[in-house]
Amino acid sequence: MTIIANILPYIQIILSIILIGAILLQQSSAGVGGALGGGDGGGLYNTRRGFEKFLFILTIVVSILFAISSFVAIFIK
């Protein structure tokens, strides 16, 4: 258990950096109007393909891993 307790902070730092990068690299189609309640009136649905889909899935996986590592850190201490 002491090995996990020693390595876990470094794992959390790496996961947090990857998560921040994955979130910042994602494109947002909503501009200022979308943030304030207005929209472009488009009912178009845009499917994720290629690198955008990879970033989306990576963000989900890394956030789940980060949450699990946080719970493990709570239970170890």
Protein backbone atom coordinates (compact mmCIF):
# COMPACT_ATOMS: atom_id res chain seq x y z
CA MET A 1 0.00 0.00 0.00
CA THR A 2 2.86 2.40 0.60
CA ILE A 3 4.00 2.03 -3.01
CA ILE A 4 0.56 3.03 -4.25
CA ALA A 5 0.44 5.92 -1.77
CA ASN A 6 3.79 7.18 -3.05
CA ILE A 7 2.98 6.85 -6.76
CA LEU A 8 -0.65 8.07 -6.66
CA PRO A 9 0.08 11.84 -6.51
CA TYR A 10 2.24 11.58 -9.64
CA ILE A 11 -0.48 9.60 -11.41
CA GLN A 12 -3.03 12.28 -10.49
CA ILE A 13 -0.76 15.06 -11.78
CA ILE A 14 -0.25 13.28 -15.11
CA LEU A 15 -3.98 12.53 -15.45
CA SER A 16 -4.90 16.13 -14.64
CA ILE A 17 -2.48 17.50 -17.26
CA ILE A 18 -3.88 15.11 -19.89
CA LEU A 19 -7.45 16.03 -18.90
CA ILE A 20 -6.77 19.77 -19.12
CA GLY A 21 -5.13 19.35 -22.52
CA ALA A 22 -7.96 17.20 -23.87
CA ILE A 23 -10.58 19.71 -22.71
CA LEU A 24 -8.73 22.69 -24.16
CA LEU A 25 -8.22 20.99 -27.52
CA GLN A 26 -11.92 20.30 -28.02
CA GLN A 27 -13.77 22.66 -30.31
CA SER A 28 -16.91 24.39 -29.22
CA SER A 29 -19.49 25.34 -31.80
CA ALA A 30 -21.32 27.60 -29.36
CA GLY A 31 -20.14 31.19 -29.39
CA VAL A 32 -21.05 34.08 -27.13
CA GLY A 33 -24.65 33.98 -28.34
CA GLY A 34 -24.97 30.35 -27.31
CA ALA A 35 -23.58 31.14 -23.88
CA LEU A 36 -26.12 33.92 -23.36
CA GLY A 37 -29.11 31.87 -24.38
CA GLY A 38 -29.24 32.81 -28.02
CA GLY A 39 -28.56 30.33 -30.74
CA ASP A 40 -27.95 30.26 -34.43
CA GLY A 41 -31.29 28.56 -34.92
CA GLY A 42 -29.64 25.51 -36.29
CA GLY A 43 -31.14 22.21 -35.42
CA LEU A 44 -28.23 20.49 -37.06
CA TYR A 45 -26.55 17.67 -35.26
CA ASN A 46 -22.84 17.40 -35.79
CA THR A 47 -21.31 13.95 -35.42
CA ARG A 48 -17.84 13.63 -34.03
CA ARG A 49 -15.34 12.04 -36.36
CA GLY A 50 -11.66 11.34 -36.34
CA PHE A 51 -9.54 13.27 -33.88
CA GLU A 52 -12.55 15.06 -32.37
CA LYS A 53 -14.12 11.71 -31.45
CA PHE A 54 -10.78 10.50 -30.06
CA LEU A 55 -10.51 13.62 -27.85
CA PHE A 56 -14.09 13.19 -26.66
CA ILE A 57 -13.54 9.56 -25.65
CA LEU A 58 -10.11 10.37 -24.16
CA THR A 59 -11.68 13.08 -22.01
CA ILE A 60 -14.29 10.68 -20.66
CA VAL A 61 -11.78 7.90 -19.94
CA VAL A 62 -9.23 10.19 -18.29
CA SER A 63 -11.88 11.88 -16.14
CA ILE A 64 -13.12 8.48 -14.93
CA LEU A 65 -9.55 7.39 -14.17
CA PHE A 66 -8.92 10.66 -12.32
CA ALA A 67 -12.08 10.20 -10.23
CA ILE A 68 -11.10 6.62 -9.39
CA SER A 69 -7.60 7.70 -8.39
CA SER A 70 -9.09 10.42 -6.18
CA PHE A 71 -11.32 7.91 -4.40
CA VAL A 72 -8.36 5.55 -3.96
CA ALA A 73 -6.36 8.42 -2.46
CA ILE A 74 -9.16 9.10 0.02
CA PHE A 75 -9.38 5.48 1.13
CA ILE A 76 -5.60 5.01 1.43
CA LYS A 77 -5.20 7.93 3.83
